[in-house]
Amino acid sequence: VQLQASGGGLVQAGGSLRLSCAASGRIFSRYAMGWYRQAPGKQRELVAVITSGGSATYADSVKGRFTISRDNARKTVYLQMDSLKPEDAAVYYCAAGSGVDRWAGWGQGTQVTVSS
C-alpha cells in the first residue's frame, strides 16, 4: 500500500488543521489506519487509530481535541486537529495495515508547526 499524507502547516495555538492521508490499492476498506507523530529529539508516538470498522482510539494527550475519520470511497483517512498546542508540533505520519505494530505501509510525513 502506498500512502500520501498532506495538510500540515503553520497554525497558531488554539487553531485547527486537518490532515489527510490518501491510499492506493483496492483493499483500503480492510485496513486499520493510524496517525503517528515525531517531534525533534523524541520517539515516534501513536496519535490515533481507526479500525476497518470505524472504531477509533486516541492517545491521552489528544483525546477530546483530535478526531480520526475515514472515507473508504475516497481511500482517505483524516485527522482533524482542534485546539492545537505548541506541544502538538511534529511531523505527522499515517500508516495502514492490520493494526498497531502490524503496519504494511507508511506515508512520507507532513509537518505541523504550532506557534505560541
Protein backbone atom coordinates (compact mmCIF):
# COMPACT_ATOMS: atom_id res chain seq x y z
CA VAL A 1 0.00 0.00 0.00
CA GLN A 2 1.23 3.50 -0.81
CA LEU A 3 0.22 6.46 1.32
CA GLN A 4 0.38 10.19 0.67
CA ALA A 5 -0.04 12.49 3.65
CA SER A 6 -0.90 16.16 3.32
CA GLY A 7 -2.44 19.07 5.18
CA GLY A 8 0.32 20.10 7.52
CA GLY A 9 1.32 23.70 8.02
CA LEU A 10 1.81 26.55 10.45
CA VAL A 11 -1.01 27.41 12.83
CA GLN A 12 -1.35 29.47 15.98
CA ALA A 13 -2.01 27.80 19.29
CA GLY A 14 -5.72 27.18 19.64
CA GLY A 15 -6.15 26.80 15.91
CA SER A 16 -7.09 23.82 13.78
CA LEU A 17 -5.69 21.75 10.95
CA ARG A 18 -6.97 18.75 9.07
CA LEU A 19 -4.50 16.19 7.84
CA SER A 20 -5.31 13.82 5.01
CA CYS A 21 -3.75 10.54 4.01
CA ALA A 22 -4.67 9.12 0.62
CA ALA A 23 -4.03 5.45 -0.05
CA SER A 24 -3.57 3.40 -3.16
CA GLY A 25 -4.77 -0.14 -3.61
CA ARG A 26 -8.07 -1.93 -3.73
CA ILE A 27 -8.39 -3.06 -0.13
CA PHE A 28 -8.27 0.24 1.72
CA SER A 29 -11.53 -0.53 3.49
CA ARG A 30 -9.97 -3.59 5.12
CA TYR A 31 -7.06 -1.67 6.61
CA ALA A 32 -6.78 -0.20 10.02
CA MET A 33 -5.31 3.29 9.67
CA GLY A 34 -3.14 5.16 12.11
CA TRP A 35 -1.61 8.54 12.66
CA TYR A 36 1.72 8.92 14.41
CA ARG A 37 3.87 11.94 15.16
CA GLN A 38 7.50 12.57 15.87
CA ALA A 39 8.89 15.74 17.35
CA PRO A 40 12.60 16.61 17.17
CA GLY A 41 14.59 14.56 19.65
CA LYS A 42 11.61 12.42 20.58
CA GLN A 43 10.41 8.97 19.67
CA ARG A 44 7.57 8.47 17.24
CA GLU A 45 4.33 8.20 19.14
CA LEU A 46 0.92 6.88 18.26
CA VAL A 47 -1.71 9.61 18.00
CA ALA A 48 -4.84 7.83 16.79
CA VAL A 49 -6.02 4.63 15.17
CA ILE A 50 -9.21 3.80 13.33
CA THR A 51 -10.15 0.22 12.57
CA SER A 52 -11.64 -1.06 9.36
CA GLY A 53 -14.96 -1.00 11.17
CA GLY A 54 -14.59 2.64 12.15
CA SER A 55 -13.70 2.30 15.82
CA ALA A 56 -11.25 4.97 16.95
CA THR A 57 -8.75 5.17 19.77
CA TYR A 58 -6.59 8.11 20.79
CA ALA A 59 -3.52 8.95 22.78
CA ASP A 60 -4.45 10.56 26.08
CA SER A 61 -2.65 13.73 25.04
CA VAL A 62 -5.04 14.36 22.13
CA LYS A 63 -8.35 12.98 23.41
CA GLY A 64 -11.14 15.50 23.01
CA ARG A 65 -9.10 17.62 20.59
CA PHE A 66 -8.29 15.32 17.66
CA THR A 67 -10.68 13.24 15.58
CA ILE A 68 -9.68 10.48 13.21
CA SER A 69 -12.08 9.50 10.44
CA ARG A 70 -12.03 7.63 7.17
CA ASP A 71 -13.72 7.81 3.80
CA ASN A 72 -13.45 4.41 2.18
CA ALA A 73 -14.85 5.65 -1.13
CA ARG A 74 -12.02 8.18 -1.34
CA LYS A 75 -9.49 5.79 0.22
CA THR A 76 -8.54 8.55 2.59
CA VAL A 77 -8.11 8.88 6.33
CA TYR A 78 -8.30 12.22 8.08
CA LEU A 79 -7.02 13.68 11.31
CA GLN A 80 -8.95 16.73 12.43
CA MET A 81 -6.84 18.58 14.96
CA ASP A 82 -8.50 21.27 17.05
CA SER A 83 -7.30 23.37 19.98
CA LEU A 84 -3.74 22.82 18.87
CA LYS A 85 -0.96 23.32 21.38
CA PRO A 86 2.74 24.03 20.80
CA GLU A 87 3.50 20.52 22.05
CA ASP A 88 1.48 19.11 19.13
CA ALA A 89 4.15 20.35 16.72
CA ALA A 90 5.75 17.40 14.96
CA VAL A 91 6.00 15.54 11.71
CA TYR A 92 2.82 13.52 11.36
CA TYR A 93 2.83 10.16 9.62
CA CYS A 94 0.00 7.93 8.53
CA ALA A 95 0.13 4.16 8.45
CA ALA A 96 -2.02 1.38 7.05
CA GLY A 97 -2.22 -2.27 7.92
CA SER A 98 -3.68 -4.77 10.31
CA GLY A 99 -3.23 -2.59 13.36
CA VAL A 100 -0.68 -1.24 15.81
CA ASP A 101 2.75 -2.81 15.23
CA ARG A 102 1.36 -4.56 12.16
CA TRP A 103 1.55 -1.75 9.64
CA ALA A 104 2.05 -2.59 5.98
CA GLY A 105 2.92 0.89 4.78
CA TRP A 106 3.74 4.42 5.89
CA GLY A 107 3.19 7.84 4.42
CA GLN A 108 6.02 10.30 3.94
CA GLY A 109 5.10 12.64 6.79
CA THR A 110 3.67 16.13 6.91
CA GLN A 111 4.99 18.89 9.15
CA VAL A 112 2.75 20.56 11.71
CA THR A 113 4.07 23.69 13.38
CA VAL A 114 2.16 25.40 16.20
CA SER A 115 3.18 28.88 17.25
CA SER A 116 2.53 30.09 20.78
